C-alpha atoms as a PDB file:
ATOM      1  CA  MET A   1      18.987  79.341  67.515  1.00  0.00           C
ATOM      2  CA  VAL A   2      16.547  80.187  70.350  1.00  0.00           C
ATOM      3  CA  CYS A   3      12.803  79.668  70.820  1.00  0.00           C
ATOM      4  CA  LYS A   4      10.825  82.766  69.840  1.00  0.00           C
ATOM      5  CA  ASN A   5       8.234  82.038  72.490  1.00  0.00           C
ATOM      6  CA  CYS A   6      10.251  81.229  75.595  1.00  0.00           C
ATOM      7  CA  GLY A   7      13.816  82.081  74.516  1.00  0.00           C
ATOM      8  CA  ARG A   8      15.161  78.646  75.193  1.00  0.00           C
ATOM      9  CA  PRO A   9      18.193  77.620  73.145  1.00  0.00           C
ATOM     10  CA  LEU A  10      17.330  75.162  70.411  1.00  0.00           C
ATOM     11  CA  ASN A  11      19.316  72.997  68.128  1.00  0.00           C
ATOM     12  CA  GLN A  12      19.791  74.175  64.601  1.00  0.00           C
ATOM     13  CA  GLY A  13      16.888  73.063  62.469  1.00  0.00           C
ATOM     14  CA  SER A  14      14.476  72.311  65.310  1.00  0.00           C
ATOM     15  CA  ILE A  15      10.828  72.617  64.372  1.00  0.00           C
ATOM     16  CA  TYR A  16       9.228  72.559  67.861  1.00  0.00           C
ATOM     17  CA  CYS A  17      10.527  73.848  71.149  1.00  0.00           C
ATOM     18  CA  PRO A  18      11.060  71.023  73.660  1.00  0.00           C
ATOM     19  CA  GLY A  19      10.201  73.394  76.513  1.00  0.00           C
ATOM     20  CA  CYS A  20       6.994  75.166  75.463  1.00  0.00           C
ATOM     21  CA  GLY A  21       6.171  73.204  72.344  1.00  0.00           C
ATOM     22  CA  ALA A  22       5.874  76.334  70.145  1.00  0.00           C
ATOM     23  CA  LEU A  23       6.271  75.967  66.425  1.00  0.00           C
ATOM     24  CA  GLN A  24       9.454  77.628  65.258  1.00  0.00           C
ATOM     25  CA  THR A  25       9.303  79.844  62.140  1.00  0.00           C
ATOM     26  CA  ASN A  26      11.991  82.140  60.800  1.00  0.00           C
ATOM     27  CA  ALA A  27      11.859  84.637  58.024  1.00  0.00           C
ATOM     28  CA  ASP A  28      15.488  83.997  57.136  1.00  0.00           C
ATOM     29  CA  SER A  29      15.887  81.754  54.204  1.00  0.00           C
ATOM     30  CA  GLU A  30      18.458  79.666  55.971  1.00  0.00           C
ATOM     31  CA  ASN A  31      16.172  79.021  58.940  1.00  0.00           C
ATOM     32  CA  THR A  32      12.969  78.635  56.945  1.00  0.00           C
ATOM     33  CA  ILE A  33      11.558  75.184  57.402  1.00  0.00           C
ATOM     34  CA  THR A  34      10.411  73.690  54.167  1.00  0.00           C
ATOM     35  CA  PRO A  35       8.358  70.562  53.867  1.00  0.00           C
ATOM     36  CA  ALA A  36      10.198  67.473  52.958  1.00  0.00           C
ATOM     37  CA  ALA A  37      10.471  66.854  49.251  1.00  0.00           C
ATOM     38  CA  PRO A  38       8.646  63.852  47.897  1.00  0.00           C
ATOM     39  CA  PRO A  39      10.849  60.839  47.305  1.00  0.00           C
ATOM     40  CA  PRO A  40      12.475  60.884  43.902  1.00  0.00           C
ATOM     41  CA  ARG A  41      10.912  58.692  41.283  1.00  0.00           C
ATOM     42  CA  ASN A  42      13.021  55.926  39.893  1.00  0.00           C
ATOM     43  CA  ASN A  43      14.668  56.723  36.617  1.00  0.00           C
ATOM     44  CA  TYR A  44      14.227  53.229  35.151  1.00  0.00           C
ATOM     45  CA  PRO A  45      12.627  53.161  31.679  1.00  0.00           C
ATOM     46  CA  GLN A  46       8.993  52.256  31.692  1.00  0.00           C
ATOM     47  CA  PHE A  47       8.110  49.377  29.339  1.00  0.00           C
ATOM     48  CA  PRO A  48       4.577  48.532  28.207  1.00  0.00           C
ATOM     49  CA  GLN A  49       3.024  45.585  29.991  1.00  0.00           C
ATOM     50  CA  GLN A  50       3.026  42.383  27.982  1.00  0.00           C
ATOM     51  CA  VAL A  51       0.456  39.652  28.468  1.00  0.00           C
ATOM     52  CA  TYR A  52       1.923  36.142  28.462  1.00  0.00           C
ATOM     53  CA  GLN A  53       0.174  33.741  26.156  1.00  0.00           C
ATOM     54  CA  ASN A  54       0.548  29.994  26.432  1.00  0.00           C
ATOM     55  CA  PRO A  55       1.774  28.602  23.092  1.00  0.00           C
ATOM     56  CA  PHE A  56      -0.012  25.311  23.685  1.00  0.00           C
ATOM     57  CA  GLN A  57      -3.256  27.197  24.215  1.00  0.00           C
ATOM     58  CA  GLN A  58      -2.646  29.108  20.984  1.00  0.00           C
ATOM     59  CA  ASN A  59      -2.150  25.855  19.090  1.00  0.00           C
ATOM     60  CA  ASN A  60      -5.324  24.397  20.545  1.00  0.00           C
ATOM     61  CA  MET A  61      -7.256  27.507  19.565  1.00  0.00           C
ATOM     62  CA  GLN A  62      -5.748  27.332  16.093  1.00  0.00           C
ATOM     63  CA  TYR A  63      -6.837  23.730  15.639  1.00  0.00           C
ATOM     64  CA  ALA A  64     -10.259  24.539  17.078  1.00  0.00           C
ATOM     65  CA  GLN A  65     -10.730  27.306  14.508  1.00  0.00           C
ATOM     66  CA  GLN A  66      -9.848  25.022  11.592  1.00  0.00           C
ATOM     67  CA  PRO A  67     -12.782  23.796   9.527  1.00  0.00           C
ATOM     68  CA  PRO A  68     -13.705  20.162  10.099  1.00  0.00           C
ATOM     69  CA  VAL A  69     -12.628  17.583   7.550  1.00  0.00           C
ATOM     70  CA  PRO A  70     -15.543  16.690   5.302  1.00  0.00           C
ATOM     71  CA  ALA A  71     -16.912  13.222   5.968  1.00  0.00           C
ATOM     72  CA  SER A  72     -16.893  12.428   2.252  1.00  0.00           C
ATOM     73  CA  PHE A  73     -13.165  13.110   2.027  1.00  0.00           C
ATOM     74  CA  SER A  74     -12.112  10.261   4.318  1.00  0.00           C
ATOM     75  CA  LYS A  75     -14.388   7.880   2.407  1.00  0.00           C
ATOM     76  CA  SER A  76     -13.094   8.813  -1.029  1.00  0.00           C
ATOM     77  CA  ARG A  77     -11.435   5.890  -2.772  1.00  0.00           C
ATOM     78  CA  THR A  78      -8.140   5.999  -4.589  1.00  0.00           C
ATOM     79  CA  VAL A  79      -7.305   4.232  -7.845  1.00  0.00           C
ATOM     80  CA  LEU A  80      -5.678   1.442  -5.787  1.00  0.00           C
ATOM     81  CA  PHE A  81      -9.100   0.490  -4.439  1.00  0.00           C
ATOM     82  CA  TRP A  82     -10.512  -0.013  -7.927  1.00  0.00           C
ATOM     83  CA  ILE A  83      -7.434  -1.957  -9.032  1.00  0.00           C
ATOM     84  CA  GLY A  84      -8.037  -4.296  -6.092  1.00  0.00           C
ATOM     85  CA  LYS A  85     -11.702  -4.704  -7.109  1.00  0.00           C
ATOM     86  CA  LEU A  86     -10.611  -5.455 -10.678  1.00  0.00           C
ATOM     87  CA  ALA A  87      -8.228  -8.130  -9.389  1.00  0.00           C
ATOM     88  CA  VAL A  88     -11.116  -9.788  -7.517  1.00  0.00           C
ATOM     89  CA  PHE A  89     -13.294  -9.669 -10.644  1.00  0.00           C
ATOM     90  CA  ILE A  90     -10.600 -11.388 -12.725  1.00  0.00           C
ATOM     91  CA  ALA A  91     -10.156 -13.973  -9.956  1.00  0.00           C
ATOM     92  CA  ILE A  92     -13.856 -14.835 -10.321  1.00  0.00           C
ATOM     93  CA  ILE A  93     -13.392 -15.266 -14.062  1.00  0.00           C
ATOM     94  CA  CYS A  94     -10.526 -17.657 -13.285  1.00  0.00           C
ATOM     95  CA  PHE A  95     -13.180 -20.138 -12.119  1.00  0.00           C
ATOM     96  CA  LEU A  96     -13.868 -20.666 -15.825  1.00  0.00           C
ATOM     97  CA  LEU A  97     -10.202 -21.572 -16.383  1.00  0.00           C
ATOM     98  CA  PRO A  98      -8.589 -24.957 -15.659  1.00  0.00           C
ATOM     99  CA  PHE A  99      -8.165 -25.558 -11.936  1.00  0.00           C
ATOM    100  CA  TYR A 100      -7.316 -29.222 -11.932  1.00  0.00           C
ATOM    101  CA  SER A 101      -6.004 -31.805 -14.372  1.00  0.00           C
ATOM    102  CA  GLY A 102      -5.405 -35.523 -14.299  1.00  0.00           C
ATOM    103  CA  SER A 103      -3.907 -37.960 -16.766  1.00  0.00           C
ATOM    104  CA  ILE A 104      -3.350 -41.706 -17.062  1.00  0.00           C
ATOM    105  CA  ALA A 105      -0.128 -42.470 -18.882  1.00  0.00           C
ATOM    106  CA  PHE A 106      -1.090 -45.709 -20.654  1.00  0.00           C
ATOM    107  CA  LEU A 107      -4.414 -44.341 -21.887  1.00  0.00           C
ATOM    108  CA  SER A 108      -3.454 -40.908 -23.183  1.00  0.00           C
ATOM    109  CA  ASP A 109      -0.572 -38.497 -22.917  1.00  0.00           C
ATOM    110  CA  LYS A 110      -3.025 -35.622 -22.822  1.00  0.00           C
ATOM    111  CA  SER A 111      -4.224 -34.317 -19.456  1.00  0.00           C
ATOM    112  CA  ASN A 112      -7.925 -33.901 -18.872  1.00  0.00           C
ATOM    113  CA  SER A 113      -8.275 -30.465 -17.314  1.00  0.00           C
ATOM    114  CA  ILE A 114     -11.307 -29.373 -15.342  1.00  0.00           C
ATOM    115  CA  THR A 115     -12.316 -25.778 -14.655  1.00  0.00           C
ATOM    116  CA  GLY A 116     -13.097 -24.559 -11.182  1.00  0.00           C
ATOM    117  CA  LEU A 117     -16.804 -24.312 -11.996  1.00  0.00           C
ATOM    118  CA  GLU A 118     -16.874 -27.871 -13.372  1.00  0.00           C
ATOM    119  CA  MET A 119     -14.986 -29.143 -10.346  1.00  0.00           C
ATOM    120  CA  LEU A 120     -17.520 -27.467  -8.059  1.00  0.00           C
ATOM    121  CA  GLN A 121     -20.440 -29.000  -9.964  1.00  0.00           C
ATOM    122  CA  LYS A 122     -18.913 -32.506 -10.115  1.00  0.00           C
ATOM    123  CA  SER A 123     -18.065 -32.438  -6.396  1.00  0.00           C
ATOM    124  CA  TRP A 124     -21.656 -31.693  -5.394  1.00  0.00           C
ATOM    125  CA  GLU A 125     -22.916 -34.336  -7.822  1.00  0.00           C
ATOM    126  CA  ALA A 126     -20.530 -36.937  -6.404  1.00  0.00           C
ATOM    127  CA  TYR A 127     -21.680 -36.183  -2.876  1.00  0.00           C
ATOM    128  CA  ASN A 128     -25.377 -36.176  -3.771  1.00  0.00           C
ATOM    129  CA  ASP A 129     -25.052 -39.575  -5.472  1.00  0.00           C
ATOM    130  CA  THR A 130     -23.973 -41.312  -2.277  1.00  0.00           C
ATOM    131  CA  LYS A 131     -24.465 -38.958   0.682  1.00  0.00           C
ATOM    132  CA  ASP A 132     -22.574 -41.469   2.763  1.00  0.00           C
ATOM    133  CA  LEU A 133     -19.989 -39.698   4.950  1.00  0.00           C
ATOM    134  CA  SER A 134     -18.508 -43.051   5.924  1.00  0.00           C
ATOM    135  CA  SER A 135     -17.217 -43.364   2.379  1.00  0.00           C
ATOM    136  CA  ASN A 136     -13.919 -41.618   1.661  1.00  0.00           C
ATOM    137  CA  VAL A 137     -15.109 -40.675  -1.822  1.00  0.00           C
ATOM    138  CA  SER A 138     -18.275 -39.023  -0.544  1.00  0.00           C
ATOM    139  CA  LYS A 139     -16.423 -37.335   2.289  1.00  0.00           C
ATOM    140  CA  GLY A 140     -13.703 -36.016  -0.061  1.00  0.00           C
ATOM    141  CA  ALA A 141     -16.290 -34.783  -2.549  1.00  0.00           C
ATOM    142  CA  LEU A 142     -18.120 -32.881   0.200  1.00  0.00           C
ATOM    143  CA  ILE A 143     -14.917 -31.229   1.454  1.00  0.00           C
ATOM    144  CA  VAL A 144     -13.952 -30.161  -2.081  1.00  0.00           C
ATOM    145  CA  ALA A 145     -17.484 -28.870  -2.768  1.00  0.00           C
ATOM    146  CA  ILE A 146     -17.594 -26.811   0.438  1.00  0.00           C
ATOM    147  CA  THR A 147     -14.083 -25.448  -0.170  1.00  0.00           C
ATOM    148  CA  LEU A 148     -14.798 -24.302  -3.724  1.00  0.00           C
ATOM    149  CA  THR A 149     -18.213 -22.908  -2.735  1.00  0.00           C
ATOM    150  CA  ALA A 150     -16.550 -20.855  -0.002  1.00  0.00           C
ATOM    151  CA  ALA A 151     -13.860 -19.687  -2.454  1.00  0.00           C
ATOM    152  CA  ILE A 152     -16.333 -18.380  -5.032  1.00  0.00           C
ATOM    153  CA  GLY A 153     -18.690 -17.035  -2.367  1.00  0.00           C
ATOM    154  CA  PHE A 154     -16.010 -14.974  -0.641  1.00  0.00           C
ATOM    155  CA  GLU A 155     -14.883 -13.672  -4.041  1.00  0.00           C
ATOM    156  CA  VAL A 156     -18.372 -12.401  -4.809  1.00  0.00           C
ATOM    157  CA  LEU A 157     -18.606 -10.746  -1.388  1.00  0.00           C
ATOM    158  CA  ALA A 158     -15.183  -9.132  -1.867  1.00  0.00           C
ATOM    159  CA  LEU A 159     -16.340  -7.720  -5.192  1.00  0.00           C
ATOM    160  CA  LEU A 160     -19.756  -6.418  -4.128  1.00  0.00           C
ATOM    161  CA  THR A 161     -19.203  -5.089  -0.611  1.00  0.00           C
ATOM    162  CA  PRO A 162     -17.786  -1.538  -0.284  1.00  0.00           C
ATOM    163  CA  THR A 163     -15.944  -2.488   2.907  1.00  0.00           C
ATOM    164  CA  GLY A 164     -14.343  -5.722   4.021  1.00  0.00           C
ATOM    165  CA  THR A 165     -12.790  -6.456   0.635  1.00  0.00           C
ATOM    166  CA  SER A 166      -9.447  -7.352   2.207  1.00  0.00           C
ATOM    167  CA  LEU A 167     -11.063  -9.784   4.646  1.00  0.00           C
ATOM    168  CA  PHE A 168     -13.151 -11.572   2.017  1.00  0.00           C
ATOM    169  CA  SER A 169     -10.217 -11.702  -0.391  1.00  0.00           C
ATOM    170  CA  PHE A 170      -8.101 -13.276   2.332  1.00  0.00           C
ATOM    171  CA  LEU A 171     -10.772 -15.876   3.116  1.00  0.00           C
ATOM    172  CA  SER A 172     -11.202 -16.680  -0.566  1.00  0.00           C
ATOM    173  CA  ALA A 173      -7.444 -17.005  -1.063  1.00  0.00           C
ATOM    174  CA  ALA A 174      -7.314 -19.332   1.954  1.00  0.00           C
ATOM    175  CA  ALA A 175     -10.058 -21.502   0.415  1.00  0.00           C
ATOM    176  CA  HIS A 176      -8.207 -21.618  -2.901  1.00  0.00           C
ATOM    177  CA  GLY A 177      -5.015 -22.529  -1.065  1.00  0.00           C
ATOM    178  CA  LEU A 178      -6.814 -25.329   0.779  1.00  0.00           C
ATOM    179  CA  PHE A 179      -8.035 -26.749  -2.524  1.00  0.00           C
ATOM    180  CA  ALA A 180      -4.505 -26.509  -3.934  1.00  0.00           C
ATOM    181  CA  ALA A 181      -3.240 -28.448  -0.902  1.00  0.00           C
ATOM    182  CA  MET A 182      -5.890 -31.113  -1.595  1.00  0.00           C
ATOM    183  CA  VAL A 183      -4.725 -31.405  -5.199  1.00  0.00           C
ATOM    184  CA  TYR A 184      -1.118 -31.736  -4.066  1.00  0.00           C
ATOM    185  CA  ALA A 185      -2.040 -34.369  -1.473  1.00  0.00           C
ATOM    186  CA  SER A 186      -4.053 -36.289  -4.082  1.00  0.00           C
ATOM    187  CA  ASN A 187      -1.098 -36.261  -6.448  1.00  0.00           C
ATOM    188  CA  GLN A 188       1.243 -37.560  -3.736  1.00  0.00           C
ATOM    189  CA  LYS A 189      -1.170 -40.353  -2.860  1.00  0.00           C
ATOM    190  CA  ALA A 190      -1.681 -41.262  -6.506  1.00  0.00           C
ATOM    191  CA  GLU A 191       2.077 -41.434  -7.126  1.00  0.00           C
ATOM    192  CA  GLU A 192       2.503 -43.747  -4.149  1.00  0.00           C
ATOM    193  CA  SER A 193      -0.241 -46.067  -5.381  1.00  0.00           C
ATOM    194  CA  TYR A 194      -0.051 -45.741  -9.156  1.00  0.00           C
ATOM    195  CA  ASP A 195       2.982 -44.525 -11.077  1.00  0.00           C
ATOM    196  CA  TYR A 196       0.976 -43.904 -14.238  1.00  0.00           C
ATOM    197  CA  ILE A 197      -1.531 -41.447 -12.697  1.00  0.00           C
ATOM    198  CA  GLU A 198      -0.631 -37.748 -12.512  1.00  0.00           C
ATOM    199  CA  ILE A 199      -2.782 -35.115 -10.796  1.00  0.00           C
ATOM    200  CA  LYS A 200      -1.784 -31.468 -10.726  1.00  0.00           C
ATOM    201  CA  MET A 201      -3.172 -27.982 -10.262  1.00  0.00           C
ATOM    202  CA  GLU A 202      -3.573 -25.766 -13.310  1.00  0.00           C
ATOM    203  CA  TYR A 203      -2.862 -22.112 -14.038  1.00  0.00           C
ATOM    204  CA  GLY A 204      -6.421 -20.963 -13.334  1.00  0.00           C
ATOM    205  CA  LEU A 205      -6.107 -21.876  -9.652  1.00  0.00           C
ATOM    206  CA  LEU A 206      -2.665 -20.318  -9.298  1.00  0.00           C
ATOM    207  CA  LEU A 207      -3.752 -17.144 -11.083  1.00  0.00           C
ATOM    208  CA  ALA A 208      -6.793 -16.790  -8.814  1.00  0.00           C
ATOM    209  CA  ILE A 209      -4.629 -17.056  -5.680  1.00  0.00           C
ATOM    210  CA  ILE A 210      -2.141 -14.477  -7.009  1.00  0.00           C
ATOM    211  CA  LEU A 211      -4.933 -12.020  -7.899  1.00  0.00           C
ATOM    212  CA  LEU A 212      -6.596 -12.344  -4.502  1.00  0.00           C
ATOM    213  CA  VAL A 213      -3.305 -11.709  -2.683  1.00  0.00           C
ATOM    214  CA  ALA A 214      -2.712  -8.700  -4.949  1.00  0.00           C
ATOM    215  CA  SER A 215      -6.194  -7.414  -4.060  1.00  0.00           C
ATOM    216  CA  ILE A 216      -5.342  -7.584  -0.351  1.00  0.00           C
ATOM    217  CA  PHE A 217      -2.216  -5.480  -0.890  1.00  0.00           C
ATOM    218  CA  MET A 218      -4.110  -2.974  -3.068  1.00  0.00           C
ATOM    219  CA  MET A 219      -6.745  -2.464  -0.374  1.00  0.00           C
ATOM    220  CA  ALA A 220      -4.070  -1.989   2.301  1.00  0.00           C
ATOM    221  CA  ALA A 221      -2.311   0.586   0.096  1.00  0.00           C
ATOM    222  CA  ASP A 222      -5.651   2.369  -0.487  1.00  0.00           C
ATOM    223  CA  ARG A 223      -6.276   2.688   3.267  1.00  0.00           C
ATOM    224  CA  SER A 224      -2.760   4.015   3.836  1.00  0.00           C
ATOM    225  CA  ALA A 225      -3.115   6.603   1.055  1.00  0.00           C
ATOM    226  CA  ARG A 226      -6.491   7.826   2.395  1.00  0.00           C
ATOM    227  CA  LYS A 227      -5.069   8.196   5.908  1.00  0.00           C
ATOM    228  CA  LYS A 228      -2.223  10.342   4.571  1.00  0.00           C
ATOM    229  CA  GLN A 229      -4.644  12.513   2.597  1.00  0.00           C
ATOM    230  CA  THR A 230      -6.840  13.033   5.654  1.00  0.00           C
ATOM    231  CA  LYS A 231      -3.813  13.980   7.763  1.00  0.00           C
ATOM    232  CA  LEU A 232      -2.625  16.511   5.183  1.00  0.00           C
ATOM    233  CA  MET A 233      -6.054  18.112   4.948  1.00  0.00           C
ATOM    234  CA  ARG A 234      -6.214  18.501   8.734  1.00  0.00           C
ATOM    235  CA  GLN A 235      -2.889  20.351   8.630  1.00  0.00           C
ATOM    236  CA  TYR A 236      -3.947  22.791   5.933  1.00  0.00           C
END
């Protein structure tokens, strides 16, 4: 192959002459210079682009789109709540039942029982007659009167208030228990001093304590049931 301009020998396939710089063209097909072919495209399959979505973000959006739980739903009471209120009501009625009894063996074999309401009234009367806290009788009467007043007062609050029933029932049960401990201590002291005197607590006091404890458990079960219902409604 030679340069068509200056006749200088060229290498096969040269495009420009190194001597004169002329562009080399040839009519022959074998010497025709063709432009370089574009690079071949890759033959890998083309997949559609996928947008990555964070699953945690999807869950947050899902919860955000859920309707809010109605305020009245979480405040709705179950049947356990009303059973607890009924237990408190019956415990109040127990104040009309015998709380305390005492008997003297050589006078009568029959015990003289006193209801909770009568015991409350007699305690305040005994204190008002003397009002001398230096006297053990007056001091004991005042302690009994305050204890029974607190017991019936907390029962009324537990019955009437929509919230705090468990707390007031607990306080009332504690007051009843304190009075029961006083009765037991009085019996022990009477037995040490006089063998023929017997003092004991009656079924009205025991029944009131049992009902108040049952009310506490009913209220706790009501709160647990309402929490489960609220959780289920949030899920669906």
